[in-house]
């Protein structure tokens, strides 16, 4: 049994009666994959920030990166690819497009998500005067809906 088959089996076990009545399997799988990728992102960030970047500023010659931003740059490609893999093989398993085509589409939706996060935070905090933490929570909810819809109807859609 492959890793993604094992992960799907675990999700199927977790997909119990109350959730089955309210949430489609695809959305449930997407939520589990998103939570898993977020946990991995946090773990990788912690390791990279404390042990690889070692809480030091990184001088790139033309710019000096703070440790937290340098760690983000190192972590992003890791969680980008784990997120893609989880979505392709676990959340949206019945997909027919090639991996490269989906990877390019996934990259475009991730760029869209980053832009959406930026715009929402600017709008909520600077123009609507909502406090930053509730703004981030609202932005995350909007971004999650956008990401799911983009994945379902664009990146991993069925023909």
Protein backbone atom coordinates (compact mmCIF):
# COMPACT_ATOMS: atom_id res chain seq x y z
CA UNK A 1 0.00 0.00 0.00
CA UNK A 2 1.41 3.40 -0.99
CA UNK A 3 1.66 6.38 1.34
CA UNK A 4 -1.23 8.23 -0.29
CA UNK A 5 -3.40 5.10 -0.11
CA UNK A 6 -2.66 4.87 3.60
CA UNK A 7 -3.51 8.54 4.09
CA UNK A 8 -6.78 8.08 2.21
CA UNK A 9 -7.60 5.07 4.38
CA UNK A 10 -6.98 7.16 7.52
CA UNK A 11 -9.20 9.95 6.19
CA UNK A 12 -11.92 7.41 5.37
CA UNK A 13 -11.77 6.13 8.96
CA UNK A 14 -12.04 9.72 10.30
CA UNK A 15 -14.91 10.52 7.94
CA UNK A 16 -17.58 9.35 10.39
CA UNK A 17 -21.36 9.69 10.34
CA UNK A 18 -21.77 13.27 11.67
CA UNK A 19 -19.28 14.66 9.17
CA UNK A 20 -20.70 12.53 6.34
CA UNK A 21 -24.10 14.17 6.70
CA UNK A 22 -22.74 17.71 6.52
CA UNK A 23 -19.48 17.72 4.55
CA UNK A 24 -18.72 16.05 1.21
CA UNK A 25 -15.75 13.60 1.29
CA UNK A 26 -13.71 15.80 -1.04
CA UNK A 27 -14.09 18.86 1.21
CA UNK A 28 -13.33 16.76 4.29
CA UNK A 29 -10.19 15.38 2.65
CA UNK A 30 -9.16 18.89 1.59
CA UNK A 31 -9.58 20.15 5.17
CA UNK A 32 -7.52 17.27 6.59
CA UNK A 33 -4.81 17.83 3.97
CA UNK A 34 -4.78 21.57 4.67
CA UNK A 35 -4.51 21.03 8.41
CA UNK A 36 -1.74 18.48 7.87
CA UNK A 37 0.18 20.81 5.59
CA UNK A 38 -0.24 23.68 8.05
CA UNK A 39 1.10 21.51 10.88
CA UNK A 40 4.06 20.45 8.72
CA UNK A 41 4.65 24.10 7.80
CA UNK A 42 4.76 25.06 11.47
CA UNK A 43 7.10 22.20 12.34
CA UNK A 44 9.47 22.96 9.44
CA UNK A 45 9.40 26.67 10.26
CA UNK A 46 10.35 25.97 13.88
CA UNK A 47 13.21 23.68 12.88
CA UNK A 48 14.53 25.98 10.18
CA UNK A 49 14.19 29.16 12.26
CA UNK A 50 15.90 27.74 15.35
CA UNK A 51 18.44 25.30 13.90
CA UNK A 52 19.24 26.17 10.27
CA UNK A 53 18.84 29.94 10.13
CA UNK A 54 19.65 29.80 13.85
CA UNK A 55 17.84 33.07 14.59
CA UNK A 56 20.48 35.05 12.65
CA UNK A 57 20.12 37.74 10.03
CA UNK A 58 21.13 36.49 6.57
CA UNK A 59 23.23 38.89 4.47
CA UNK A 60 22.61 38.26 0.77
CA UNK A 61 24.82 41.12 -0.38
CA UNK A 62 22.06 43.33 -1.78
CA UNK A 63 19.66 42.79 1.10
CA UNK A 64 19.76 41.51 4.65
CA UNK A 65 16.95 39.12 5.53
CA UNK A 66 15.63 38.93 9.06
CA UNK A 67 15.61 35.41 10.50
CA UNK A 68 11.83 35.05 10.41
CA UNK A 69 11.61 36.11 6.75
CA UNK A 70 14.58 33.94 5.75
CA UNK A 71 12.87 30.99 7.41
CA UNK A 72 9.67 31.71 5.47
CA UNK A 73 11.64 31.66 2.21
CA UNK A 74 13.18 28.30 3.08
CA UNK A 75 9.92 26.74 4.29
CA UNK A 76 7.71 27.94 1.42
CA UNK A 77 8.97 25.55 -1.29
CA UNK A 78 8.74 22.60 1.09
CA UNK A 79 5.12 23.19 2.05
CA UNK A 80 4.28 24.24 -1.52
CA UNK A 81 5.22 20.77 -2.77
CA UNK A 82 3.75 18.86 0.18
CA UNK A 83 0.51 20.83 -0.27
CA UNK A 84 0.48 19.99 -3.97
CA UNK A 85 1.15 16.30 -3.31
CA UNK A 86 -1.52 16.06 -0.61
CA UNK A 87 -4.09 17.78 -2.81
CA UNK A 88 -3.25 15.75 -5.92
CA UNK A 89 -3.14 12.31 -4.34
CA UNK A 90 -5.32 12.59 -1.24
CA UNK A 91 -7.90 15.39 -1.39
CA UNK A 92 -8.66 15.34 -5.12
CA UNK A 93 -7.80 11.79 -6.04
CA UNK A 94 -9.98 11.45 -9.16
CA UNK A 95 -8.06 13.77 -11.42
CA UNK A 96 -7.03 13.21 -15.03
CA UNK A 97 -4.60 16.00 -15.89
CA UNK A 98 -0.83 15.55 -15.97
CA UNK A 99 1.20 16.35 -12.89
CA UNK A 100 3.12 19.17 -14.57
CA UNK A 101 -0.06 20.87 -15.78
CA UNK A 102 -1.54 20.63 -12.29
CA UNK A 103 1.67 21.88 -10.70
CA UNK A 104 1.62 25.00 -12.88
CA UNK A 105 -2.07 25.54 -12.09
CA UNK A 106 -1.39 24.98 -8.39
CA UNK A 107 1.40 27.58 -8.49
CA UNK A 108 -0.98 30.09 -10.09
CA UNK A 109 -3.61 29.50 -7.40
CA UNK A 110 -0.99 29.86 -4.66
CA UNK A 111 0.06 33.22 -6.15
CA UNK A 112 -3.63 34.16 -6.19
CA UNK A 113 -3.92 33.15 -2.54
CA UNK A 114 -0.91 35.26 -1.55
CA UNK A 115 -2.34 38.28 -3.40
CA UNK A 116 -5.77 37.69 -1.86
CA UNK A 117 -4.23 37.54 1.64
CA UNK A 118 -2.35 40.78 1.05
CA UNK A 119 -5.39 42.61 -0.35
CA UNK A 120 -7.70 41.38 2.39
CA UNK A 121 -5.32 42.33 5.18
CA UNK A 122 -4.79 45.80 3.69
CA UNK A 123 -8.54 46.26 3.27
CA UNK A 124 -9.60 44.98 6.68
CA UNK A 125 -6.86 46.60 8.78
CA UNK A 126 -6.10 49.84 6.95
CA UNK A 127 -9.43 50.74 5.37
CA UNK A 128 -12.10 49.08 7.52
CA UNK A 129 -10.19 49.58 10.80
CA UNK A 130 -10.61 45.98 11.93
CA UNK A 131 -7.99 44.79 14.41
CA UNK A 132 -5.17 42.72 12.86
CA UNK A 133 -5.92 39.39 14.56
CA UNK A 134 -9.63 39.24 13.62
CA UNK A 135 -8.61 40.51 10.17
CA UNK A 136 -6.16 37.61 9.83
CA UNK A 137 -8.84 35.14 10.91
CA UNK A 138 -11.31 36.52 8.37
CA UNK A 139 -8.62 36.60 5.70
CA UNK A 140 -7.72 32.97 6.41
CA UNK A 141 -11.36 31.93 6.06
CA UNK A 142 -11.71 33.78 2.75
CA UNK A 143 -8.42 32.36 1.51
CA UNK A 144 -9.44 28.81 2.46
CA UNK A 145 -12.70 29.10 0.51
CA UNK A 146 -10.84 30.57 -2.47
CA UNK A 147 -8.18 27.83 -2.31
CA UNK A 148 -10.74 25.03 -2.16
CA UNK A 149 -12.78 26.42 -5.06
CA UNK A 150 -9.64 27.06 -7.13
CA UNK A 151 -8.41 23.52 -6.45
CA UNK A 152 -11.76 21.89 -7.17
CA UNK A 153 -12.72 23.83 -10.28
CA UNK A 154 -9.33 24.74 -11.75
CA UNK A 155 -6.23 22.93 -10.51
CA UNK A 156 -7.63 19.43 -9.90
CA UNK A 157 -10.89 19.58 -11.82
CA UNK A 158 -12.24 16.60 -13.64
CA UNK A 159 -12.65 16.89 -17.41
